[in-house]
PDB file of all heavy atoms in Angstrom:
ATOM      1  N   PRO A   1       0.816  -1.208  -0.004  1.00  0.00           N
ATOM      2  CA  PRO A   1      -0.012  -0.005  -0.014  1.00  0.00           C
ATOM      3  C   PRO A   1       0.843   1.251   0.004  1.00  0.00           C
ATOM      4  O   PRO A   1       1.969   1.289   0.564  1.00  0.00           O
ATOM      5  CB  PRO A   1      -0.809  -0.093   1.295  1.00  0.00           C
ATOM      6  CG  PRO A   1      -0.728  -1.545   1.712  1.00  0.00           C
ATOM      7  CD  PRO A   1       0.586  -2.050   1.204  1.00  0.00           C
ATOM      8  N   ARG A   2       0.314   2.316  -0.602  1.00  0.00           N
ATOM      9  CA  ARG A   2       1.016   3.630  -0.531  1.00  0.00           C
ATOM     10  C   ARG A   2       0.979   4.075   0.927  1.00  0.00           C
ATOM     11  O   ARG A   2      -0.016   4.072   1.609  1.00  0.00           O
ATOM     12  CB  ARG A   2       0.253   4.658  -1.371  1.00  0.00           C
ATOM     13  CG  ARG A   2       0.772   6.084  -1.190  1.00  0.00           C
ATOM     14  CD  ARG A   2       0.196   7.084  -2.162  1.00  0.00           C
ATOM     15  NE  ARG A   2      -1.077   6.772  -2.704  1.00  0.00           N
ATOM     16  CZ  ARG A   2      -2.220   7.124  -2.172  1.00  0.00           C
ATOM     17  NH1 ARG A   2      -2.267   7.711  -1.038  1.00  0.00           N
ATOM     18  NH2 ARG A   2      -3.363   6.857  -2.783  1.00  0.00           N
ATOM     19  N   PRO A   3       2.167   4.434   1.505  1.00  0.00           N
ATOM     20  CA  PRO A   3       2.255   4.860   2.884  1.00  0.00           C
ATOM     21  C   PRO A   3       1.337   6.069   3.133  1.00  0.00           C
ATOM     22  O   PRO A   3       1.124   6.913   2.274  1.00  0.00           O
ATOM     23  CB  PRO A   3       3.716   5.246   3.075  1.00  0.00           C
ATOM     24  CG  PRO A   3       4.428   4.440   2.024  1.00  0.00           C
ATOM     25  CD  PRO A   3       3.511   4.383   0.860  1.00  0.00           C
ATOM     26  N   ALA A   4       0.819   6.163   4.348  1.00  0.00           N
ATOM     27  CA  ALA A   4      -0.100   7.208   4.715  1.00  0.00           C
ATOM     28  C   ALA A   4       0.555   8.611   4.560  1.00  0.00           C
ATOM     29  O   ALA A   4      -0.153   9.606   4.435  1.00  0.00           O
ATOM     30  CB  ALA A   4      -0.619   7.016   6.129  1.00  0.00           C
ATOM     31  N   THR A   5       1.881   8.649   4.658  1.00  0.00           N
ATOM     32  CA  THR A   5       2.590   9.928   4.559  1.00  0.00           C
ATOM     33  C   THR A   5       2.650  10.481   3.144  1.00  0.00           C
ATOM     34  O   THR A   5       3.057  11.636   2.938  1.00  0.00           O
ATOM     35  CB  THR A   5       4.003   9.813   5.123  1.00  0.00           C
ATOM     36  OG1 THR A   5       4.694   8.735   4.436  1.00  0.00           O
ATOM     37  CG2 THR A   5       3.992   9.518   6.611  1.00  0.00           C
ATOM     38  N   ILE A   6       2.293   9.662   2.167  1.00  0.00           N
ATOM     39  CA  ILE A   6       2.318  10.057   0.771  1.00  0.00           C
ATOM     40  C   ILE A   6       0.899  10.357   0.308  1.00  0.00           C
ATOM     41  O   ILE A   6       0.029   9.491   0.359  1.00  0.00           O
ATOM     42  CB  ILE A   6       2.919   8.974  -0.126  1.00  0.00           C
ATOM     43  CG1 ILE A   6       4.356   8.658   0.302  1.00  0.00           C
ATOM     44  CG2 ILE A   6       2.896   9.373  -1.619  1.00  0.00           C
ATOM     45  CD1 ILE A   6       4.999   7.516  -0.465  1.00  0.00           C
ATOM     46  N   PRO A   7       0.616  11.573  -0.145  1.00  0.00           N
ATOM     47  CA  PRO A   7      -0.759  11.868  -0.574  1.00  0.00           C
ATOM     48  C   PRO A   7      -1.082  11.231  -1.894  1.00  0.00           C
ATOM     49  O   PRO A   7      -0.207  10.890  -2.689  1.00  0.00           O
ATOM     50  CB  PRO A   7      -0.734  13.409  -0.702  1.00  0.00           C
ATOM     51  CG  PRO A   7       0.684  13.714  -1.046  1.00  0.00           C
ATOM     52  CD  PRO A   7       1.512  12.742  -0.249  1.00  0.00           C
ATOM     53  N   ALA A   8      -2.333  10.940  -2.146  1.00  0.00           N
ATOM     54  CA  ALA A   8      -2.796  10.499  -3.477  1.00  0.00           C
ATOM     55  C   ALA A   8      -2.406  11.599  -4.507  1.00  0.00           C
ATOM     56  O   ALA A   8      -2.465  12.784  -4.215  1.00  0.00           O
ATOM     57  CB  ALA A   8      -4.281  10.271  -3.480  1.00  0.00           C
ATOM     58  N   TRP A   9      -2.028  11.151  -5.703  1.00  0.00           N
ATOM     59  CA  TRP A   9      -1.594  12.092  -6.694  1.00  0.00           C
ATOM     60  C   TRP A   9      -2.687  13.134  -7.023  1.00  0.00           C
ATOM     61  O   TRP A   9      -2.397  14.324  -7.215  1.00  0.00           O
ATOM     62  CB  TRP A   9      -1.193  11.363  -7.955  1.00  0.00           C
ATOM     63  CG  TRP A   9      -0.799  12.278  -9.079  1.00  0.00           C
ATOM     64  CD1 TRP A   9      -1.519  12.604 -10.212  1.00  0.00           C
ATOM     65  CD2 TRP A   9       0.399  13.050  -9.177  1.00  0.00           C
ATOM     66  NE1 TRP A   9      -0.835  13.487 -10.995  1.00  0.00           N
ATOM     67  CE2 TRP A   9       0.345  13.801 -10.385  1.00  0.00           C
ATOM     68  CE3 TRP A   9       1.538  13.184  -8.369  1.00  0.00           C
ATOM     69  CZ2 TRP A   9       1.384  14.630 -10.810  1.00  0.00           C
ATOM     70  CZ3 TRP A   9       2.564  14.041  -8.782  1.00  0.00           C
ATOM     71  CH2 TRP A   9       2.462  14.759  -9.987  1.00  0.00           C
ATOM     72  N   ASN A  10      -3.957  12.680  -7.066  1.00  0.00           N
ATOM     73  CA  ASN A  10      -5.009  13.627  -7.439  1.00  0.00           C
ATOM     74  C   ASN A  10      -5.309  14.651  -6.386  1.00  0.00           C
ATOM     75  O   ASN A  10      -6.070  15.615  -6.671  1.00  0.00           O
ATOM     76  CB  ASN A  10      -6.323  12.856  -7.813  1.00  0.00           C
ATOM     77  CG  ASN A  10      -6.847  12.019  -6.662  1.00  0.00           C
ATOM     78  OD1 ASN A  10      -6.446  12.182  -5.523  1.00  0.00           O
ATOM     79  ND2 ASN A  10      -7.769  11.107  -6.981  1.00  0.00           N
ATOM     80  N   THR A  11      -4.705  14.558  -5.195  1.00  0.00           N
ATOM     81  CA  THR A  11      -4.878  15.579  -4.180  1.00  0.00           C
ATOM     82  C   THR A  11      -3.622  16.428  -4.022  1.00  0.00           C
ATOM     83  O   THR A  11      -3.553  17.328  -3.161  1.00  0.00           O
ATOM     84  CB  THR A  11      -5.236  14.943  -2.815  1.00  0.00           C
ATOM     85  OG1 THR A  11      -4.082  14.193  -2.324  1.00  0.00           O
ATOM     86  CG2 THR A  11      -6.434  14.047  -2.920  1.00  0.00           C
ATOM     87  N   THR A  12      -2.576  16.081  -4.820  1.00  0.00           N
ATOM     88  CA  THR A  12      -1.285  16.756  -4.657  1.00  0.00           C
ATOM     89  C   THR A  12      -1.273  18.159  -5.294  1.00  0.00           C
ATOM     90  O   THR A  12      -1.825  18.341  -6.406  1.00  0.00           O
ATOM     91  CB  THR A  12      -0.162  15.898  -5.304  1.00  0.00           C
ATOM     92  OG1 THR A  12      -0.176  14.618  -4.679  1.00  0.00           O
ATOM     93  CG2 THR A  12       1.186  16.545  -5.129  1.00  0.00           C
ATOM     94  N   THR A  13      -0.624  19.074  -4.634  1.00  0.00           N
ATOM     95  CA  THR A  13      -0.424  20.372  -5.191  1.00  0.00           C
ATOM     96  C   THR A  13       0.955  20.514  -5.823  1.00  0.00           C
ATOM     97  O   THR A  13       1.817  19.664  -5.614  1.00  0.00           O
ATOM     98  CB  THR A  13      -0.599  21.463  -4.089  1.00  0.00           C
ATOM     99  OG1 THR A  13       0.387  21.245  -3.068  1.00  0.00           O
ATOM    100  CG2 THR A  13      -2.005  21.437  -3.501  1.00  0.00           C
ATOM    101  N   ASP A  14       1.138  21.529  -6.625  1.00  0.00           N
ATOM    102  CA  ASP A  14       2.423  21.809  -7.306  1.00  0.00           C
ATOM    103  C   ASP A  14       2.863  20.608  -8.127  1.00  0.00           C
ATOM    104  O   ASP A  14       4.033  20.186  -8.103  1.00  0.00           O
ATOM    105  CB  ASP A  14       3.511  22.152  -6.273  1.00  0.00           C
ATOM    106  CG  ASP A  14       4.692  22.912  -6.855  1.00  0.00           C
ATOM    107  OD1 ASP A  14       4.566  23.282  -8.037  1.00  0.00           O
ATOM    108  OD2 ASP A  14       5.667  23.147  -6.133  1.00  0.00           O
ATOM    109  N   LYS A  15       1.909  20.100  -8.910  1.00  0.00           N
ATOM    110  CA  LYS A  15       2.192  18.891  -9.702  1.00  0.00           C
ATOM    111  C   LYS A  15       3.309  19.103 -10.692  1.00  0.00           C
ATOM    112  O   LYS A  15       4.150  18.212 -10.940  1.00  0.00           O
ATOM    113  CB  LYS A  15       0.924  18.465 -10.442  1.00  0.00           C
ATOM    114  CG  LYS A  15      -0.095  17.788  -9.579  1.00  0.00           C
ATOM    115  CD  LYS A  15      -1.239  17.231 -10.424  1.00  0.00           C
ATOM    116  CE  LYS A  15      -2.250  16.384  -9.636  1.00  0.00           C
ATOM    117  NZ  LYS A  15      -2.963  17.132  -8.635  1.00  0.00           N
ATOM    118  N   ALA A  16       3.435  20.308 -11.260  1.00  0.00           N
ATOM    119  CA  ALA A  16       4.485  20.487 -12.278  1.00  0.00           C
ATOM    120  C   ALA A  16       5.864  20.314 -11.694  1.00  0.00           C
ATOM    121  O   ALA A  16       6.778  19.760 -12.349  1.00  0.00           O
ATOM    122  CB  ALA A  16       4.353  21.936 -12.867  1.00  0.00           C
ATOM    123  N   ARG A  17       6.067  20.752 -10.447  1.00  0.00           N
ATOM    124  CA  ARG A  17       7.409  20.603  -9.791  1.00  0.00           C
ATOM    125  C   ARG A  17       7.637  19.121  -9.531  1.00  0.00           C
ATOM    126  O   ARG A  17       8.761  18.633  -9.766  1.00  0.00           O
ATOM    127  CB  ARG A  17       7.387  21.393  -8.516  1.00  0.00           C
ATOM    128  CG  ARG A  17       8.740  21.292  -7.754  1.00  0.00           C
ATOM    129  CD  ARG A  17       8.736  22.225  -6.549  1.00  0.00           C
ATOM    130  NE  ARG A  17       9.945  22.043  -5.695  1.00  0.00           N
ATOM    131  CZ  ARG A  17      11.120  22.587  -5.968  1.00  0.00           C
ATOM    132  NH1 ARG A  17      11.275  23.367  -7.007  1.00  0.00           N
ATOM    133  NH2 ARG A  17      12.168  22.386  -5.156  1.00  0.00           N
ATOM    134  N   TRP A  18       6.653  18.381  -9.104  1.00  0.00           N
ATOM    135  CA  TRP A  18       6.822  16.955  -8.826  1.00  0.00           C
ATOM    136  C   TRP A  18       7.122  16.201 -10.108  1.00  0.00           C
ATOM    137  O   TRP A  18       7.963  15.295 -10.141  1.00  0.00           O
ATOM    138  CB  TRP A  18       5.562  16.374  -8.181  1.00  0.00           C
ATOM    139  CG  TRP A  18       5.447  16.678  -6.717  1.00  0.00           C
ATOM    140  CD1 TRP A  18       4.543  17.491  -6.098  1.00  0.00           C
ATOM    141  CD2 TRP A  18       6.280  16.133  -5.662  1.00  0.00           C
ATOM    142  NE1 TRP A  18       4.766  17.512  -4.748  1.00  0.00           N
ATOM    143  CE2 TRP A  18       5.796  16.676  -4.448  1.00  0.00           C
ATOM    144  CE3 TRP A  18       7.362  15.318  -5.631  1.00  0.00           C
ATOM    145  CZ2 TRP A  18       6.373  16.383  -3.215  1.00  0.00           C
ATOM    146  CZ3 TRP A  18       7.932  14.962  -4.396  1.00  0.00           C
ATOM    147  CH2 TRP A  18       7.478  15.507  -3.206  1.00  0.00           C
ATOM    148  N   VAL A  19       6.432  16.553 -11.208  1.00  0.00           N
ATOM    149  CA  VAL A  19       6.705  15.912 -12.522  1.00  0.00           C
ATOM    150  C   VAL A  19       8.132  16.182 -12.947  1.00  0.00           C
ATOM    151  O   VAL A  19       8.816  15.295 -13.417  1.00  0.00           O
ATOM    152  CB  VAL A  19       5.691  16.431 -13.558  1.00  0.00           C
ATOM    153  CG1 VAL A  19       6.117  15.988 -14.970  1.00  0.00           C
ATOM    154  CG2 VAL A  19       4.295  15.940 -13.267  1.00  0.00           C
ATOM    155  N   ARG A  20       8.580  17.422 -12.799  1.00  0.00           N
ATOM    156  CA  ARG A  20       9.929  17.780 -13.209  1.00  0.00           C
ATOM    157  C   ARG A  20      10.956  16.922 -12.439  1.00  0.00           C
ATOM    158  O   ARG A  20      11.961  16.460 -12.998  1.00  0.00           O
ATOM    159  CB  ARG A  20      10.151  19.287 -12.949  1.00  0.00           C
ATOM    160  CG  ARG A  20      11.553  19.792 -13.307  1.00  0.00           C
ATOM    161  CD  ARG A  20      11.805  19.847 -14.772  1.00  0.00           C
ATOM    162  NE  ARG A  20      13.165  20.329 -15.025  1.00  0.00           N
ATOM    163  CZ  ARG A  20      13.640  20.591 -16.253  1.00  0.00           C
ATOM    164  NH1 ARG A  20      12.886  20.417 -17.329  1.00  0.00           N
ATOM    165  NH2 ARG A  20      14.864  21.044 -16.408  1.00  0.00           N
ATOM    166  N   LYS A  21      10.728  16.768 -11.128  1.00  0.00           N
ATOM    167  CA  LYS A  21      11.680  15.995 -10.334  1.00  0.00           C
ATOM    168  C   LYS A  21      11.882  14.593 -10.879  1.00  0.00           C
ATOM    169  O   LYS A  21      12.986  14.136 -11.059  1.00  0.00           O
ATOM    170  CB  LYS A  21      11.198  15.942  -8.861  1.00  0.00           C
ATOM    171  CG  LYS A  21      11.416  17.243  -8.066  1.00  0.00           C
ATOM    172  CD  LYS A  21      11.024  17.009  -6.611  1.00  0.00           C
ATOM    173  CE  LYS A  21      11.329  18.174  -5.751  1.00  0.00           C
ATOM    174  NZ  LYS A  21      11.141  17.921  -4.299  1.00  0.00           N
ATOM    175  N   MET A  22      10.759  13.908 -11.109  1.00  0.00           N
ATOM    176  CA  MET A  22      10.898  12.541 -11.568  1.00  0.00           C
ATOM    177  C   MET A  22      11.410  12.467 -12.999  1.00  0.00           C
ATOM    178  O   MET A  22      12.156  11.512 -13.347  1.00  0.00           O
ATOM    179  CB  MET A  22       9.514  11.813 -11.484  1.00  0.00           C
ATOM    180  CG  MET A  22       9.603  10.325 -11.749  1.00  0.00           C
ATOM    181  SD  MET A  22      10.709   9.450 -10.611  1.00  0.00           S
ATOM    182  CE  MET A  22      10.803   7.822 -11.385  1.00  0.00           C
ATOM    183  N   ALA A  23      11.090  13.445 -13.815  1.00  0.00           N
ATOM    184  CA  ALA A  23      11.641  13.444 -15.173  1.00  0.00           C
ATOM    185  C   ALA A  23      13.151  13.609 -15.194  1.00  0.00           C
ATOM    186  O   ALA A  23      13.856  12.949 -15.973  1.00  0.00           O
ATOM    187  CB  ALA A  23      10.982  14.617 -15.987  1.00  0.00           C
ATOM    188  N   VAL A  24      13.689  14.408 -14.254  1.00  0.00           N
ATOM    189  CA  VAL A  24      15.147  14.599 -14.167  1.00  0.00           C
ATOM    190  C   VAL A  24      15.775  13.312 -13.648  1.00  0.00           C
ATOM    191  O   VAL A  24      16.825  12.857 -14.153  1.00  0.00           O
ATOM    192  CB  VAL A  24      15.502  15.783 -13.307  1.00  0.00           C
ATOM    193  CG1 VAL A  24      17.003  15.916 -13.185  1.00  0.00           C
ATOM    194  CG2 VAL A  24      14.938  17.081 -13.893  1.00  0.00           C
ATOM    195  N   TYR A  25      15.135  12.694 -12.624  1.00  0.00           N
ATOM    196  CA  TYR A  25      15.656  11.476 -12.067  1.00  0.00           C
ATOM    197  C   TYR A  25      15.733  10.404 -13.162  1.00  0.00           C
ATOM    198  O   TYR A  25      16.753   9.704 -13.296  1.00  0.00           O
ATOM    199  CB  TYR A  25      14.733  10.996 -10.916  1.00  0.00           C
ATOM    200  CG  TYR A  25      15.136   9.694 -10.277  1.00  0.00           C
ATOM    201  CD1 TYR A  25      16.059   9.655  -9.259  1.00  0.00           C
ATOM    202  CD2 TYR A  25      14.530   8.502 -10.714  1.00  0.00           C
ATOM    203  CE1 TYR A  25      16.386   8.435  -8.655  1.00  0.00           C
ATOM    204  CE2 TYR A  25      14.874   7.280 -10.096  1.00  0.00           C
ATOM    205  CZ  TYR A  25      15.811   7.264  -9.096  1.00  0.00           C
ATOM    206  OH  TYR A  25      16.136   6.056  -8.496  1.00  0.00           O
ATOM    207  N   ALA A  26      14.669  10.240 -13.929  1.00  0.00           N
ATOM    208  CA  ALA A  26      14.656   9.266 -15.010  1.00  0.00           C
ATOM    209  C   ALA A  26      15.730   9.574 -16.054  1.00  0.00           C
ATOM    210  O   ALA A  26      16.431   8.672 -16.576  1.00  0.00           O
ATOM    211  CB  ALA A  26      13.263   9.228 -15.671  1.00  0.00           C
TER     212      ALA A  26
END
């Protein structure tokens, strides 16, 4: 299960920043 400390993606704010982070990591 997704840990309780991680919000569901559809409730997350600042999605563009989060997307950028994973794109750079990849």
